[in-house]
């Protein structure tokens, strides 16, 4: 476990750099994390991250498939918004643990 300061608050991260305690995340922290990932966040980013957080907090798995069926955006848009490894990147910025479906 590692510690990191976002928006002046200490948060605990896993060895992979994901939030160990998703409840400590704030929207303002997302901007700092996105900056580290070289992303500039828009309302579209937040709409899907809020969807992901909602599913996670209900105990439901978050996957590319669930994002595609969310009605918020299609997979192609998701990949464009979070280039590279979109589910991993979006989870990290949204303050969620590393998705179990990702290596």
PDB file of N, CA and C in Angstrom:
ATOM      1  N   UNK A   1       0.837  -1.177   0.000  1.00  0.00           N
ATOM      2  CA  UNK A   1       0.000   0.000   0.000  1.00  0.00           C
ATOM      3  C   UNK A   1       0.888   1.249   0.000  1.00  0.00           C
ATOM      4  N   UNK A   2       0.397   2.239  -0.688  1.00  0.00           N
ATOM      5  CA  UNK A   2       1.107   3.504  -0.787  1.00  0.00           C
ATOM      6  C   UNK A   2       0.184   4.633  -0.356  1.00  0.00           C
ATOM      7  N   UNK A   3       0.763   5.754   0.002  1.00  0.00           N
ATOM      8  CA  UNK A   3      -0.022   6.943   0.324  1.00  0.00           C
ATOM      9  C   UNK A   3       0.253   8.001  -0.722  1.00  0.00           C
ATOM     10  N   UNK A   4      -0.756   8.800  -0.988  1.00  0.00           N
ATOM     11  CA  UNK A   4      -0.633   9.864  -1.982  1.00  0.00           C
ATOM     12  C   UNK A   4      -1.485  11.035  -1.528  1.00  0.00           C
ATOM     13  N   UNK A   5      -1.093  12.227  -1.883  1.00  0.00           N
ATOM     14  CA  UNK A   5      -1.869  13.420  -1.548  1.00  0.00           C
ATOM     15  C   UNK A   5      -2.570  13.902  -2.813  1.00  0.00           C
ATOM     16  N   UNK A   6      -3.904  13.970  -2.750  1.00  0.00           N
ATOM     17  CA  UNK A   6      -4.714  14.547  -3.817  1.00  0.00           C
ATOM     18  C   UNK A   6      -5.598  15.619  -3.184  1.00  0.00           C
ATOM     19  N   UNK A   7      -5.568  16.791  -3.757  1.00  0.00           N
ATOM     20  CA  UNK A   7      -6.387  17.907  -3.261  1.00  0.00           C
ATOM     21  C   UNK A   7      -6.141  18.146  -1.773  1.00  0.00           C
ATOM     22  N   UNK A   8      -4.910  17.966  -1.347  1.00  0.00           N
ATOM     23  CA  UNK A   8      -4.546  18.215   0.038  1.00  0.00           C
ATOM     24  C   UNK A   8      -4.965  17.128   1.013  1.00  0.00           C
ATOM     25  N   UNK A   9      -5.531  16.026   0.524  1.00  0.00           N
ATOM     26  CA  UNK A   9      -5.964  14.935   1.389  1.00  0.00           C
ATOM     27  C   UNK A   9      -5.126  13.693   1.112  1.00  0.00           C
ATOM     28  N   UNK A  10      -4.732  13.023   2.182  1.00  0.00           N
ATOM     29  CA  UNK A  10      -3.964  11.790   2.042  1.00  0.00           C
ATOM     30  C   UNK A  10      -4.912  10.644   1.713  1.00  0.00           C
ATOM     31  N   UNK A  11      -4.573   9.890   0.669  1.00  0.00           N
ATOM     32  CA  UNK A  11      -5.357   8.714   0.300  1.00  0.00           C
ATOM     33  C   UNK A  11      -4.426   7.499   0.247  1.00  0.00           C
ATOM     34  N   UNK A  12      -5.012   6.356   0.467  1.00  0.00           N
ATOM     35  CA  UNK A  12      -4.251   5.106   0.424  1.00  0.00           C
ATOM     36  C   UNK A  12      -4.501   4.457  -0.922  1.00  0.00           C
ATOM     37  N   UNK A  13      -3.404   4.113  -1.593  1.00  0.00           N
ATOM     38  CA  UNK A  13      -3.464   3.461  -2.899  1.00  0.00           C
ATOM     39  C   UNK A  13      -2.897   2.055  -2.799  1.00  0.00           C
ATOM     40  N   UNK A  14      -3.382   1.191  -3.662  1.00  0.00           N
ATOM     41  CA  UNK A  14      -2.815  -0.153  -3.755  1.00  0.00           C
ATOM     42  C   UNK A  14      -1.448  -0.052  -4.425  1.00  0.00           C
ATOM     43  N   UNK A  15      -0.746  -1.148  -4.476  1.00  0.00           N
ATOM     44  CA  UNK A  15       0.565  -1.161  -5.138  1.00  0.00           C
ATOM     45  C   UNK A  15       0.445  -0.825  -6.623  1.00  0.00           C
ATOM     46  N   UNK A  16      -0.739  -1.071  -7.214  1.00  0.00           N
ATOM     47  CA  UNK A  16      -0.981  -0.754  -8.623  1.00  0.00           C
ATOM     48  C   UNK A  16      -1.395   0.705  -8.842  1.00  0.00           C
ATOM     49  N   UNK A  17      -1.593   1.453  -7.746  1.00  0.00           N
ATOM     50  CA  UNK A  17      -1.957   2.867  -7.863  1.00  0.00           C
ATOM     51  C   UNK A  17      -3.441   3.157  -7.867  1.00  0.00           C
ATOM     52  N   UNK A  18      -4.264   2.170  -7.476  1.00  0.00           N
ATOM     53  CA  UNK A  18      -5.710   2.358  -7.414  1.00  0.00           C
ATOM     54  C   UNK A  18      -6.130   2.656  -5.979  1.00  0.00           C
ATOM     55  N   UNK A  19      -7.247   3.353  -5.818  1.00  0.00           N
ATOM     56  CA  UNK A  19      -7.729   3.687  -4.486  1.00  0.00           C
ATOM     57  C   UNK A  19      -8.042   2.413  -3.706  1.00  0.00           C
ATOM     58  N   UNK A  20      -7.500   2.327  -2.496  1.00  0.00           N
ATOM     59  CA  UNK A  20      -7.811   1.205  -1.617  1.00  0.00           C
ATOM     60  C   UNK A  20      -9.152   1.443  -0.936  1.00  0.00           C
ATOM     61  N   UNK A  21      -9.515   2.711  -0.764  1.00  0.00           N
ATOM     62  CA  UNK A  21     -10.773   3.091  -0.121  1.00  0.00           C
ATOM     63  C   UNK A  21     -11.517   4.048  -1.054  1.00  0.00           C
ATOM     64  N   UNK A  22     -12.369   3.528  -1.927  1.00  0.00           N
ATOM     65  CA  UNK A  22     -13.075   4.379  -2.895  1.00  0.00           C
ATOM     66  C   UNK A  22     -13.883   5.516  -2.276  1.00  0.00           C
ATOM     67  N   UNK A  23     -14.272   5.376  -1.021  1.00  0.00           N
ATOM     68  CA  UNK A  23     -15.064   6.421  -0.367  1.00  0.00           C
ATOM     69  C   UNK A  23     -14.266   7.702  -0.126  1.00  0.00           C
ATOM     70  N   UNK A  24     -12.934   7.630  -0.219  1.00  0.00           N
ATOM     71  CA  UNK A  24     -12.115   8.829  -0.008  1.00  0.00           C
ATOM     72  C   UNK A  24     -11.991   9.689  -1.262  1.00  0.00           C
ATOM     73  N   UNK A  25     -12.445   9.176  -2.407  1.00  0.00           N
ATOM     74  CA  UNK A  25     -12.353   9.869  -3.689  1.00  0.00           C
ATOM     75  C   UNK A  25     -13.305  11.056  -3.744  1.00  0.00           C
ATOM     76  N   UNK A  26     -12.863  12.120  -4.419  1.00  0.00           N
ATOM     77  CA  UNK A  26     -13.745  13.253  -4.713  1.00  0.00           C
ATOM     78  C   UNK A  26     -13.600  13.596  -6.190  1.00  0.00           C
ATOM     79  N   UNK A  27     -14.576  14.292  -6.695  1.00  0.00           N
ATOM     80  CA  UNK A  27     -14.560  14.725  -8.098  1.00  0.00           C
ATOM     81  C   UNK A  27     -13.320  15.592  -8.382  1.00  0.00           C
ATOM     82  N   UNK A  28     -12.946  16.416  -7.421  1.00  0.00           N
ATOM     83  CA  UNK A  28     -11.771  17.271  -7.595  1.00  0.00           C
ATOM     84  C   UNK A  28     -10.497  16.444  -7.737  1.00  0.00           C
ATOM     85  N   UNK A  29     -10.418  15.331  -7.014  1.00  0.00           N
ATOM     86  CA  UNK A  29      -9.259  14.442  -7.126  1.00  0.00           C
ATOM     87  C   UNK A  29      -9.150  13.867  -8.532  1.00  0.00           C
ATOM     88  N   UNK A  30     -10.290  13.629  -9.166  1.00  0.00           N
ATOM     89  CA  UNK A  30     -10.288  13.058 -10.515  1.00  0.00           C
ATOM     90  C   UNK A  30      -9.500  13.925 -11.480  1.00  0.00           C
ATOM     91  N   UNK A  31      -9.602  15.243 -11.326  1.00  0.00           N
ATOM     92  CA  UNK A  31      -8.861  16.141 -12.214  1.00  0.00           C
ATOM     93  C   UNK A  31      -7.351  15.956 -12.045  1.00  0.00           C
ATOM     94  N   UNK A  32      -6.895  15.800 -10.810  1.00  0.00           N
ATOM     95  CA  UNK A  32      -5.459  15.595 -10.569  1.00  0.00           C
ATOM     96  C   UNK A  32      -4.994  14.260 -11.131  1.00  0.00           C
ATOM     97  N   UNK A  33      -5.773  13.219 -10.900  1.00  0.00           N
ATOM     98  CA  UNK A  33      -5.410  11.890 -11.386  1.00  0.00           C
ATOM     99  C   UNK A  33      -5.407  11.876 -12.911  1.00  0.00           C
ATOM    100  N   UNK A  34      -6.407  12.499 -13.503  1.00  0.00           N
ATOM    101  CA  UNK A  34      -6.488  12.572 -14.971  1.00  0.00           C
ATOM    102  C   UNK A  34      -5.274  13.314 -15.532  1.00  0.00           C
ATOM    103  N   UNK A  35      -4.835  14.353 -14.856  1.00  0.00           N
ATOM    104  CA  UNK A  35      -3.645  15.077 -15.291  1.00  0.00           C
ATOM    105  C   UNK A  35      -2.424  14.178 -15.329  1.00  0.00           C
ATOM    106  N   UNK A  36      -2.305  13.295 -14.349  1.00  0.00           N
ATOM    107  CA  UNK A  36      -1.201  12.333 -14.335  1.00  0.00           C
ATOM    108  C   UNK A  36      -1.293  11.379 -15.523  1.00  0.00           C
ATOM    109  N   UNK A  37      -2.518  11.118 -15.959  1.00  0.00           N
ATOM    110  CA  UNK A  37      -2.754  10.217 -17.093  1.00  0.00           C
ATOM    111  C   UNK A  37      -2.778  10.970 -18.423  1.00  0.00           C
ATOM    112  N   UNK A  38      -2.500  12.256 -18.367  1.00  0.00           N
ATOM    113  CA  UNK A  38      -2.472  13.126 -19.565  1.00  0.00           C
ATOM    114  C   UNK A  38      -3.855  13.230 -20.220  1.00  0.00           C
ATOM    115  N   UNK A  39      -4.906  13.295 -19.384  1.00  0.00           N
ATOM    116  CA  UNK A  39      -6.271  13.444 -19.881  1.00  0.00           C
ATOM    117  C   UNK A  39      -6.884  14.731 -19.353  1.00  0.00           C
ATOM    118  N   UNK A  40      -7.698  15.352 -20.156  1.00  0.00           N
ATOM    119  CA  UNK A  40      -8.475  16.505 -19.729  1.00  0.00           C
ATOM    120  C   UNK A  40      -9.932  16.050 -19.651  1.00  0.00           C
ATOM    121  N   UNK A  41     -10.496  16.096 -18.457  1.00  0.00           N
ATOM    122  CA  UNK A  41     -11.832  15.559 -18.246  1.00  0.00           C
ATOM    123  C   UNK A  41     -12.936  16.473 -18.753  1.00  0.00           C
ATOM    124  N   UNK A  42     -13.986  15.822 -19.258  1.00  0.00           N
ATOM    125  CA  UNK A  42     -15.173  16.524 -19.738  1.00  0.00           C
ATOM    126  C   UNK A  42     -16.395  15.943 -19.010  1.00  0.00           C
ATOM    127  N   UNK A  43     -17.557  16.501 -19.289  1.00  0.00           N
ATOM    128  CA  UNK A  43     -18.791  15.960 -18.709  1.00  0.00           C
ATOM    129  C   UNK A  43     -19.008  14.511 -19.128  1.00  0.00           C
ATOM    130  N   UNK A  44     -18.599  14.160 -20.351  1.00  0.00           N
ATOM    131  CA  UNK A  44     -18.738  12.764 -20.810  1.00  0.00           C
ATOM    132  C   UNK A  44     -17.929  11.819 -19.938  1.00  0.00           C
ATOM    133  N   UNK A  45     -16.704  12.238 -19.585  1.00  0.00           N
ATOM    134  CA  UNK A  45     -15.872  11.412 -18.706  1.00  0.00           C
ATOM    135  C   UNK A  45     -16.595  11.183 -17.383  1.00  0.00           C
ATOM    136  N   UNK A  46     -17.107  12.269 -16.808  1.00  0.00           N
ATOM    137  CA  UNK A  46     -17.751  12.147 -15.503  1.00  0.00           C
ATOM    138  C   UNK A  46     -19.035  11.338 -15.564  1.00  0.00           C
ATOM    139  N   UNK A  47     -19.769  11.414 -16.653  1.00  0.00           N
ATOM    140  CA  UNK A  47     -21.014  10.650 -16.721  1.00  0.00           C
ATOM    141  C   UNK A  47     -20.727   9.151 -16.665  1.00  0.00           C
ATOM    142  N   UNK A  48     -19.698   8.705 -17.350  1.00  0.00           N
ATOM    143  CA  UNK A  48     -19.400   7.269 -17.308  1.00  0.00           C
ATOM    144  C   UNK A  48     -18.722   6.882 -15.997  1.00  0.00           C
ATOM    145  N   UNK A  49     -17.898   7.768 -15.437  1.00  0.00           N
ATOM    146  CA  UNK A  49     -17.267   7.453 -14.154  1.00  0.00           C
ATOM    147  C   UNK A  49     -18.316   7.379 -13.043  1.00  0.00           C
ATOM    148  N   UNK A  50     -19.322   8.238 -13.088  1.00  0.00           N
ATOM    149  CA  UNK A  50     -20.395   8.176 -12.094  1.00  0.00           C
ATOM    150  C   UNK A  50     -21.180   6.873 -12.243  1.00  0.00           C
ATOM    151  N   UNK A  51     -21.413   6.443 -13.480  1.00  0.00           N
ATOM    152  CA  UNK A  51     -22.060   5.154 -13.732  1.00  0.00           C
ATOM    153  C   UNK A  51     -21.228   4.022 -13.130  1.00  0.00           C
ATOM    154  N   UNK A  52     -19.913   4.051 -13.369  1.00  0.00           N
ATOM    155  CA  UNK A  52     -19.024   3.013 -12.867  1.00  0.00           C
ATOM    156  C   UNK A  52     -19.023   2.987 -11.340  1.00  0.00           C
ATOM    157  N   UNK A  53     -18.935   4.152 -10.724  1.00  0.00           N
ATOM    158  CA  UNK A  53     -18.932   4.227  -9.263  1.00  0.00           C
ATOM    159  C   UNK A  53     -20.252   3.704  -8.693  1.00  0.00           C
ATOM    160  N   UNK A  54     -21.346   4.055  -9.331  1.00  0.00           N
ATOM    161  CA  UNK A  54     -22.655   3.604  -8.875  1.00  0.00           C
ATOM    162  C   UNK A  54     -22.748   2.080  -8.906  1.00  0.00           C
ATOM    163  N   UNK A  55     -22.311   1.476 -10.011  1.00  0.00           N
ATOM    164  CA  UNK A  55     -22.323   0.009 -10.122  1.00  0.00           C
ATOM    165  C   UNK A  55     -21.432  -0.616  -9.049  1.00  0.00           C
ATOM    166  N   UNK A  56     -20.240  -0.062  -8.899  1.00  0.00           N
ATOM    167  CA  UNK A  56     -19.297  -0.606  -7.924  1.00  0.00           C
ATOM    168  C   UNK A  56     -19.871  -0.535  -6.512  1.00  0.00           C
ATOM    169  N   UNK A  57     -20.440   0.607  -6.150  1.00  0.00           N
ATOM    170  CA  UNK A  57     -20.965   0.783  -4.801  1.00  0.00           C
ATOM    171  C   UNK A  57     -22.176  -0.109  -4.529  1.00  0.00           C
ATOM    172  N   UNK A  58     -22.853  -0.563  -5.587  1.00  0.00           N
ATOM    173  CA  UNK A  58     -23.966  -1.510  -5.441  1.00  0.00           C
ATOM    174  C   UNK A  58     -23.452  -2.952  -5.384  1.00  0.00           C
ATOM    175  N   UNK A  59     -22.132  -3.127  -5.552  1.00  0.00           N
ATOM    176  CA  UNK A  59     -21.550  -4.461  -5.537  1.00  0.00           C
ATOM    177  C   UNK A  59     -21.625  -5.173  -6.870  1.00  0.00           C
ATOM    178  N   UNK A  60     -21.938  -4.432  -7.928  1.00  0.00           N
ATOM    179  CA  UNK A  60     -22.045  -5.015  -9.267  1.00  0.00           C
ATOM    180  C   UNK A  60     -20.718  -4.856 -10.004  1.00  0.00           C
ATOM    181  N   UNK A  61     -20.329  -5.852 -10.787  1.00  0.00           N
ATOM    182  CA  UNK A  61     -19.066  -5.746 -11.518  1.00  0.00           C
ATOM    183  C   UNK A  61     -19.129  -4.677 -12.617  1.00  0.00           C
ATOM    184  N   UNK A  62     -18.018  -3.997 -12.781  1.00  0.00           N
ATOM    185  CA  UNK A  62     -17.887  -2.999 -13.846  1.00  0.00           C
ATOM    186  C   UNK A  62     -17.055  -3.630 -14.947  1.00  0.00           C
ATOM    187  N   UNK A  63     -17.589  -3.602 -16.168  1.00  0.00           N
ATOM    188  CA  UNK A  63     -16.888  -4.207 -17.292  1.00  0.00           C
ATOM    189  C   UNK A  63     -17.128  -3.373 -18.542  1.00  0.00           C
ATOM    190  N   UNK A  64     -16.352  -3.669 -19.565  1.00  0.00           N
ATOM    191  CA  UNK A  64     -16.556  -3.008 -20.857  1.00  0.00           C
ATOM    192  C   UNK A  64     -17.977  -3.287 -21.342  1.00  0.00           C
ATOM    193  N   UNK A  65     -18.421  -4.504 -21.146  1.00  0.00           N
ATOM    194  CA  UNK A  65     -19.762  -4.883 -21.588  1.00  0.00           C
ATOM    195  C   UNK A  65     -20.832  -4.055 -20.864  1.00  0.00           C
ATOM    196  N   UNK A  66     -20.682  -3.865 -19.546  1.00  0.00           N
ATOM    197  CA  UNK A  66     -21.682  -3.079 -18.812  1.00  0.00           C
ATOM    198  C   UNK A  66     -21.664  -1.622 -19.248  1.00  0.00           C
ATOM    199  N   UNK A  67     -20.506  -1.127 -19.610  1.00  0.00           N
ATOM    200  CA  UNK A  67     -20.412   0.250 -20.111  1.00  0.00           C
ATOM    201  C   UNK A  67     -21.118   0.354 -21.457  1.00  0.00           C
ATOM    202  N   UNK A  68     -20.913  -0.640 -22.323  1.00  0.00           N
ATOM    203  CA  UNK A  68     -21.550  -0.640 -23.632  1.00  0.00           C
ATOM    204  C   UNK A  68     -23.078  -0.679 -23.509  1.00  0.00           C
ATOM    205  N   UNK A  69     -23.574  -1.369 -22.480  1.00  0.00           N
ATOM    206  CA  UNK A  69     -25.017  -1.492 -22.271  1.00  0.00           C
ATOM    207  C   UNK A  69     -25.572  -0.427 -21.333  1.00  0.00           C
ATOM    208  N   UNK A  70     -24.743   0.529 -20.940  1.00  0.00           N
ATOM    209  CA  UNK A  70     -25.164   1.542 -19.973  1.00  0.00           C
ATOM    210  C   UNK A  70     -26.173   2.536 -20.529  1.00  0.00           C
ATOM    211  N   UNK A  71     -26.146   2.727 -21.849  1.00  0.00           N
ATOM    212  CA  UNK A  71     -26.985   3.758 -22.448  1.00  0.00           C
ATOM    213  C   UNK A  71     -26.358   5.134 -22.356  1.00  0.00           C
ATOM    214  N   UNK A  72     -25.198   5.211 -21.740  1.00  0.00           N
ATOM    215  CA  UNK A  72     -24.489   6.483 -21.599  1.00  0.00           C
ATOM    216  C   UNK A  72     -23.577   6.721 -22.789  1.00  0.00           C
ATOM    217  N   UNK A  73     -22.862   5.673 -23.170  1.00  0.00           N
ATOM    218  CA  UNK A  73     -21.971   5.760 -24.338  1.00  0.00           C
ATOM    219  C   UNK A  73     -21.669   4.365 -24.846  1.00  0.00           C
ATOM    220  N   UNK A  74     -21.224   4.323 -26.094  1.00  0.00           N
ATOM    221  CA  UNK A  74     -20.829   3.038 -26.659  1.00  0.00           C
ATOM    222  C   UNK A  74     -19.349   2.796 -26.387  1.00  0.00           C
ATOM    223  N   UNK A  75     -18.922   1.594 -26.682  1.00  0.00           N
ATOM    224  CA  UNK A  75     -17.544   1.197 -26.400  1.00  0.00           C
ATOM    225  C   UNK A  75     -16.541   2.047 -27.180  1.00  0.00           C
ATOM    226  N   UNK A  76     -16.866   2.365 -28.405  1.00  0.00           N
ATOM    227  CA  UNK A  76     -15.963   3.163 -29.243  1.00  0.00           C
ATOM    228  C   UNK A  76     -15.695   4.523 -28.587  1.00  0.00           C
ATOM    229  N   UNK A  77     -16.716   5.151 -28.065  1.00  0.00           N
ATOM    230  CA  UNK A  77     -16.553   6.441 -27.382  1.00  0.00           C
ATOM    231  C   UNK A  77     -15.749   6.262 -26.100  1.00  0.00           C
ATOM    232  N   UNK A  78     -16.014   5.189 -25.369  1.00  0.00           N
ATOM    233  CA  UNK A  78     -15.280   4.899 -24.134  1.00  0.00           C
ATOM    234  C   UNK A  78     -13.783   4.762 -24.414  1.00  0.00           C
ATOM    235  N   UNK A  79     -13.444   4.042 -25.460  1.00  0.00           N
ATOM    236  CA  UNK A  79     -12.036   3.884 -25.840  1.00  0.00           C
ATOM    237  C   UNK A  79     -11.415   5.216 -26.264  1.00  0.00           C
ATOM    238  N   UNK A  80     -12.200   6.065 -26.913  1.00  0.00           N
ATOM    239  CA  UNK A  80     -11.691   7.372 -27.328  1.00  0.00           C
ATOM    240  C   UNK A  80     -11.448   8.272 -26.109  1.00  0.00           C
ATOM    241  N   UNK A  81     -12.339   8.216 -25.136  1.00  0.00           N
ATOM    242  CA  UNK A  81     -12.203   9.058 -23.948  1.00  0.00           C
ATOM    243  C   UNK A  81     -11.082   8.614 -23.022  1.00  0.00           C
ATOM    244  N   UNK A  82     -10.854   7.303 -22.954  1.00  0.00           N
ATOM    245  CA  UNK A  82      -9.828   6.742 -22.065  1.00  0.00           C
ATOM    246  C   UNK A  82      -8.897   5.867 -22.899  1.00  0.00           C
ATOM    247  N   UNK A  83      -8.058   6.471 -23.736  1.00  0.00           N
ATOM    248  CA  UNK A  83      -7.210   5.692 -24.645  1.00  0.00           C
ATOM    249  C   UNK A  83      -6.216   4.782 -23.912  1.00  0.00           C
ATOM    250  N   UNK A  84      -5.885   3.715 -24.572  1.00  0.00           N
ATOM    251  CA  UNK A  84      -4.940   2.754 -24.010  1.00  0.00           C
ATOM    252  C   UNK A  84      -5.691   1.601 -23.386  1.00  0.00           C
ATOM    253  N   UNK A  85      -5.773   1.614 -22.087  1.00  0.00           N
ATOM    254  CA  UNK A  85      -6.506   0.592 -21.330  1.00  0.00           C
ATOM    255  C   UNK A  85      -7.692   1.298 -20.671  1.00  0.00           C
ATOM    256  N   UNK A  86      -8.786   1.475 -21.390  1.00  0.00           N
ATOM    257  CA  UNK A  86      -9.869   2.346 -20.918  1.00  0.00           C
ATOM    258  C   UNK A  86     -10.498   1.962 -19.584  1.00  0.00           C
ATOM    259  N   UNK A  87     -10.745   0.695 -19.346  1.00  0.00           N
ATOM    260  CA  UNK A  87     -11.385   0.311 -18.093  1.00  0.00           C
ATOM    261  C   UNK A  87     -10.460   0.549 -16.906  1.00  0.00           C
ATOM    262  N   UNK A  88      -9.196   0.210 -17.078  1.00  0.00           N
ATOM    263  CA  UNK A  88      -8.214   0.443 -16.014  1.00  0.00           C
ATOM    264  C   UNK A  88      -8.041   1.935 -15.756  1.00  0.00           C
ATOM    265  N   UNK A  89      -7.901   2.713 -16.819  1.00  0.00           N
ATOM    266  CA  UNK A  89      -7.678   4.146 -16.687  1.00  0.00           C
ATOM    267  C   UNK A  89      -8.892   4.839 -16.065  1.00  0.00           C
ATOM    268  N   UNK A  90     -10.088   4.502 -16.542  1.00  0.00           N
ATOM    269  CA  UNK A  90     -11.306   5.113 -16.013  1.00  0.00           C
ATOM    270  C   UNK A  90     -11.501   4.736 -14.539  1.00  0.00           C
ATOM    271  N   UNK A  91     -11.208   3.504 -14.197  1.00  0.00           N
ATOM    272  CA  UNK A  91     -11.339   3.067 -12.801  1.00  0.00           C
ATOM    273  C   UNK A  91     -10.387   3.833 -11.898  1.00  0.00           C
ATOM    274  N   UNK A  92      -9.166   3.999 -12.351  1.00  0.00           N
ATOM    275  CA  UNK A  92      -8.179   4.723 -11.555  1.00  0.00           C
ATOM    276  C   UNK A  92      -8.621   6.170 -11.331  1.00  0.00           C
ATOM    277  N   UNK A  93      -9.045   6.834 -12.387  1.00  0.00           N
ATOM    278  CA  UNK A  93      -9.465   8.231 -12.282  1.00  0.00           C
ATOM    279  C   UNK A  93     -10.732   8.361 -11.445  1.00  0.00           C
ATOM    280  N   UNK A  94     -11.608   7.352 -11.502  1.00  0.00           N
ATOM    281  CA  UNK A  94     -12.865   7.365 -10.749  1.00  0.00           C
ATOM    282  C   UNK A  94     -12.688   6.926  -9.295  1.00  0.00           C
ATOM    283  N   UNK A  95     -11.461   6.628  -8.896  1.00  0.00           N
ATOM    284  CA  UNK A  95     -11.206   6.246  -7.512  1.00  0.00           C
ATOM    285  C   UNK A  95     -11.667   4.855  -7.149  1.00  0.00           C
ATOM    286  N   UNK A  96     -11.724   3.983  -8.138  1.00  0.00           N
ATOM    287  CA  UNK A  96     -12.160   2.604  -7.918  1.00  0.00           C
ATOM    288  C   UNK A  96     -10.973   1.653  -7.895  1.00  0.00           C
ATOM    289  N   UNK A  97     -11.145   0.476  -7.302  1.00  0.00           N
ATOM    290  CA  UNK A  97     -10.077  -0.517  -7.358  1.00  0.00           C
ATOM    291  C   UNK A  97      -9.845  -0.981  -8.784  1.00  0.00           C
ATOM    292  N   UNK A  98      -8.709  -1.603  -9.008  1.00  0.00           N
ATOM    293  CA  UNK A  98      -8.408  -2.169 -10.318  1.00  0.00           C
ATOM    294  C   UNK A  98      -9.458  -3.206 -10.660  1.00  0.00           C
ATOM    295  N   UNK A  99     -10.040  -3.119 -11.865  1.00  0.00           N
ATOM    296  CA  UNK A  99     -11.065  -4.097 -12.257  1.00  0.00           C
ATOM    297  C   UNK A  99     -10.516  -5.518 -12.233  1.00  0.00           C
ATOM    298  N   UNK A 100     -11.299  -6.440 -11.719  1.00  0.00           N
ATOM    299  CA  UNK A 100     -10.841  -7.822 -11.616  1.00  0.00           C
ATOM    300  C   UNK A 100     -10.659  -8.450 -12.999  1.00  0.00           C
ATOM    301  N   UNK A 101     -11.327  -7.894 -14.006  1.00  0.00           N
ATOM    302  CA  UNK A 101     -11.209  -8.445 -15.364  1.00  0.00           C
ATOM    303  C   UNK A 101      -9.946  -7.982 -16.075  1.00  0.00           C
ATOM    304  N   UNK A 102      -9.192  -7.062 -15.459  1.00  0.00           N
ATOM    305  CA  UNK A 102      -7.971  -6.524 -16.083  1.00  0.00           C
ATOM    306  C   UNK A 102      -6.732  -7.149 -15.464  1.00  0.00           C
ATOM    307  N   UNK A 103      -5.782  -7.440 -16.311  1.00  0.00           N
ATOM    308  CA  UNK A 103      -4.517  -8.037 -15.854  1.00  0.00           C
ATOM    309  C   UNK A 103      -3.604  -6.947 -15.357  1.00  0.00           C
TER     310      UNK A 103
END
